[in-house]
Amino acid sequence: MKANAVGPRNLQLHYQAPHELDHFKPGLRTRIQYRSEFDDQNDWTEFDTRDFDSHQGNVNVTFGGLFPYALYTIRIRLQSNMVSEKKVLSMKCLFLTNVSSQANETEERLWSEAAETTARTLASPPGMAPKVAPGSFEIVGGALQTRRVYLYWQHIPVEQQNGPDFKYQVTEVFKAGKA
């Protein structure tokens, strides 16, 4: 299983089911979940796998709408499509009956252990500018060459910084030759 960044908001996952299951007649259900470094530990997003071919061994999946420059954990679990057999007790005798319903997707114990990988999306420019309220500056000193200007702003949330070594840069703006 391997995941790669294919853009600032996209990751591509490639995985192959174990070759021992290549000829497993009932086929496999797949559960793919992912979360970013900004999500809670138990807050997984489920990728829709309903249209997956249950006999397909090689799978490529693209995740979109992700945070730029975020580390994502992706996990995959497999479950058999095999039908189960249940014993049914009647008043007079015990019957062995084939039940045609599939294994219950909601029962966690019927899923394999998770295989996990991580990948980081690509960087992009910040998702927003810092918020600055009118009058959020202070001028100290009177002479043009020696005065200091202090600017105040609200920091950009980490998930909007979108790149490594994020920092703020303040530049002079000139209008009609004056700063």
Protein backbone atom coordinates (compact mmCIF):
# COMPACT_ATOMS: atom_id res chain seq x y z
CA MET A 1 0.00 0.00 0.00
CA LYS A 2 1.38 3.40 -0.95
CA ALA A 3 0.01 6.95 -0.97
CA ASN A 4 1.40 9.91 -2.93
CA ALA A 5 0.54 13.59 -3.17
CA VAL A 6 -0.85 14.57 -6.57
CA GLY A 7 -1.53 18.20 -5.66
CA PRO A 8 -2.09 20.48 -2.69
CA ARG A 9 -5.59 19.09 -2.10
CA ASN A 10 -5.26 15.54 -3.47
CA LEU A 11 -3.66 12.23 -2.51
CA GLN A 12 -3.63 9.04 -4.53
CA LEU A 13 -3.65 5.65 -2.84
CA HIS A 14 -2.54 2.44 -4.52
CA TYR A 15 -2.95 -0.91 -2.86
CA GLN A 16 -3.07 -4.54 -3.79
CA ALA A 17 -4.96 -7.22 -1.87
CA PRO A 18 -2.73 -10.06 -0.65
CA HIS A 19 -2.02 -12.42 -3.57
CA GLU A 20 -3.26 -15.34 -1.45
CA LEU A 21 -6.75 -13.89 -1.93
CA ASP A 22 -6.53 -13.56 -5.74
CA HIS A 23 -8.86 -16.51 -6.23
CA PHE A 24 -11.06 -16.07 -3.15
CA LYS A 25 -14.47 -16.75 -4.73
CA PRO A 26 -16.72 -14.74 -2.40
CA GLY A 27 -14.65 -11.61 -2.97
CA LEU A 28 -13.75 -8.88 -0.49
CA ARG A 29 -15.38 -5.78 0.88
CA THR A 30 -13.04 -2.84 1.38
CA ARG A 31 -13.23 -0.14 4.03
CA ILE A 32 -10.98 2.88 3.44
CA GLN A 33 -10.78 5.62 6.06
CA TYR A 34 -8.56 8.68 6.36
CA ARG A 35 -7.88 11.62 8.67
CA SER A 36 -5.59 14.63 8.69
CA GLU A 37 -3.17 15.66 11.40
CA PHE A 38 -5.73 18.35 12.31
CA ASP A 39 -8.53 15.84 13.01
CA ASP A 40 -9.18 14.11 16.33
CA GLN A 41 -7.58 10.68 16.72
CA ASN A 42 -10.94 8.90 16.37
CA ASP A 43 -12.40 11.18 13.70
CA TRP A 44 -12.07 9.13 10.51
CA THR A 45 -13.64 10.03 7.16
CA GLU A 46 -15.03 7.03 5.27
CA PHE A 47 -14.23 6.73 1.55
CA ASP A 48 -17.18 5.36 -0.45
CA THR A 49 -16.21 1.89 -1.71
CA ARG A 50 -19.68 0.60 -2.65
CA ASP A 51 -18.80 0.57 -6.36
CA PHE A 52 -15.55 -1.39 -5.91
CA ASP A 53 -15.28 -4.71 -7.72
CA SER A 54 -15.03 -7.24 -4.87
CA HIS A 55 -12.66 -9.40 -6.95
CA GLN A 56 -10.32 -6.61 -8.03
CA GLY A 57 -6.85 -7.01 -6.53
CA ASN A 58 -5.22 -3.73 -7.66
CA VAL A 59 -6.95 -0.53 -6.56
CA ASN A 60 -6.13 3.14 -7.18
CA VAL A 61 -8.10 5.73 -5.25
CA THR A 62 -7.85 9.54 -5.33
CA PHE A 63 -8.88 11.59 -2.30
CA GLY A 64 -9.86 15.20 -3.02
CA GLY A 65 -10.79 18.31 -1.05
CA LEU A 66 -7.96 17.86 1.45
CA PHE A 67 -5.96 20.44 3.40
CA PRO A 68 -2.76 21.58 1.62
CA TYR A 69 0.51 20.52 3.27
CA ALA A 70 -1.25 18.26 5.77
CA LEU A 71 -0.17 14.82 6.88
CA TYR A 72 -2.90 12.23 6.29
CA THR A 73 -3.21 8.76 7.78
CA ILE A 74 -5.03 6.30 5.55
CA ARG A 75 -6.16 2.88 6.66
CA ILE A 76 -7.68 -0.06 4.83
CA ARG A 77 -9.57 -3.01 6.23
CA LEU A 78 -10.97 -6.00 4.36
CA GLN A 79 -13.95 -8.26 5.00
CA SER A 80 -15.13 -11.41 3.28
CA ASN A 81 -18.29 -11.33 1.18
CA MET A 82 -18.89 -14.96 2.23
CA VAL A 83 -22.36 -15.96 3.39
CA SER A 84 -22.65 -17.38 6.87
CA GLU A 85 -24.24 -20.52 8.22
CA LYS A 86 -26.44 -20.34 11.31
CA LYS A 87 -28.10 -22.94 13.44
CA VAL A 88 -31.80 -22.36 13.92
CA LEU A 89 -33.61 -23.99 16.84
CA SER A 90 -37.19 -24.97 16.34
CA MET A 91 -39.57 -26.37 18.91
CA LYS A 92 -39.18 -29.93 17.60
CA CYS A 93 -35.67 -30.21 16.15
CA LEU A 94 -32.40 -28.49 15.25
CA PHE A 95 -31.95 -27.46 11.63
CA LEU A 96 -28.77 -26.35 9.88
CA THR A 97 -29.82 -23.60 7.54
CA ASN A 98 -27.85 -21.55 5.00
CA VAL A 99 -28.63 -17.91 5.50
CA SER A 100 -28.26 -15.93 2.30
CA SER A 101 -27.48 -12.63 3.96
CA GLN A 102 -23.95 -11.31 3.70
CA ALA A 103 -21.60 -10.84 6.64
CA ASN A 104 -22.63 -7.84 8.72
CA GLU A 105 -20.55 -4.78 7.76
CA THR A 106 -21.18 -3.11 11.12
CA GLU A 107 -19.59 -5.86 13.20
CA GLU A 108 -16.02 -4.66 13.79
CA ARG A 109 -14.77 -8.15 14.69
CA LEU A 110 -15.50 -9.34 11.13
CA TRP A 111 -13.06 -6.85 9.57
CA SER A 112 -9.33 -7.46 9.18
CA GLU A 113 -6.76 -5.54 11.16
CA ALA A 114 -6.10 -2.16 9.55
CA ALA A 115 -3.16 -1.61 7.22
CA GLU A 116 -2.04 2.03 7.51
CA THR A 117 0.12 4.45 5.59
CA THR A 118 0.73 8.20 5.72
CA ALA A 119 1.28 10.86 3.08
CA ARG A 120 1.46 14.65 3.02
CA THR A 121 -0.35 16.80 0.46
CA LEU A 122 1.70 19.41 -1.42
CA ALA A 123 2.15 22.97 -0.16
CA SER A 124 0.22 25.95 -1.53
CA PRO A 125 -0.12 29.64 -0.66
CA PRO A 126 -1.89 30.36 2.65
CA GLY A 127 -5.62 29.79 2.57
CA MET A 128 -6.36 33.24 3.99
CA ALA A 129 -4.75 36.53 4.92
CA PRO A 130 -4.36 37.39 8.60
CA LYS A 131 -7.31 39.33 10.00
CA VAL A 132 -6.43 42.94 10.74
CA ALA A 133 -8.94 45.28 12.41
CA PRO A 134 -9.02 48.98 11.50
CA GLY A 135 -6.64 50.88 13.77
CA SER A 136 -4.71 47.77 14.77
CA PHE A 137 -1.36 49.53 14.69
CA GLU A 138 0.65 51.78 16.96
CA ILE A 139 3.18 54.49 16.02
CA VAL A 140 5.98 55.18 18.51
CA GLY A 141 8.25 58.21 18.03
CA GLY A 142 7.68 61.31 15.98
CA ALA A 143 10.55 61.67 13.52
CA LEU A 144 9.98 59.90 10.21
CA GLN A 145 13.42 58.24 10.18
CA THR A 146 13.32 57.00 13.81
CA ARG A 147 9.71 56.13 14.47
CA ARG A 148 8.50 52.58 14.86
CA VAL A 149 5.22 51.15 13.70
CA TYR A 150 3.74 48.12 15.49
CA LEU A 151 1.13 46.10 13.62
CA TYR A 152 -1.32 43.70 15.28
CA TRP A 153 -3.17 40.88 13.57
CA GLN A 154 -4.94 37.64 14.29
CA HIS A 155 -2.82 34.59 13.44
CA ILE A 156 -3.87 32.30 10.59
CA PRO A 157 -5.05 28.87 11.84
CA VAL A 158 -2.41 26.15 11.39
CA GLU A 159 -4.57 24.24 8.90
CA GLN A 160 -4.70 27.37 6.67
CA GLN A 161 -0.92 28.01 6.65
CA ASN A 162 -0.53 25.41 3.87
CA GLY A 163 3.24 24.98 3.91
CA PRO A 164 6.45 24.38 5.83
CA ASP A 165 8.27 27.10 7.77
CA PHE A 166 5.29 29.44 7.62
CA LYS A 167 6.06 33.04 8.62
CA TYR A 168 4.59 36.50 8.25
CA GLN A 169 6.34 39.08 6.09
CA VAL A 170 5.55 42.77 6.37
CA THR A 171 6.63 44.99 3.50
CA GLU A 172 6.51 48.72 2.94
CA VAL A 173 3.89 49.97 0.56
CA PHE A 174 4.74 53.06 -1.44
CA LYS A 175 2.15 55.43 -2.81
CA ALA A 176 3.23 58.47 -4.83
CA GLY A 177 6.83 57.83 -3.73
CA LYS A 178 6.01 57.82 0.00
CA ALA A 179 5.89 54.93 2.41
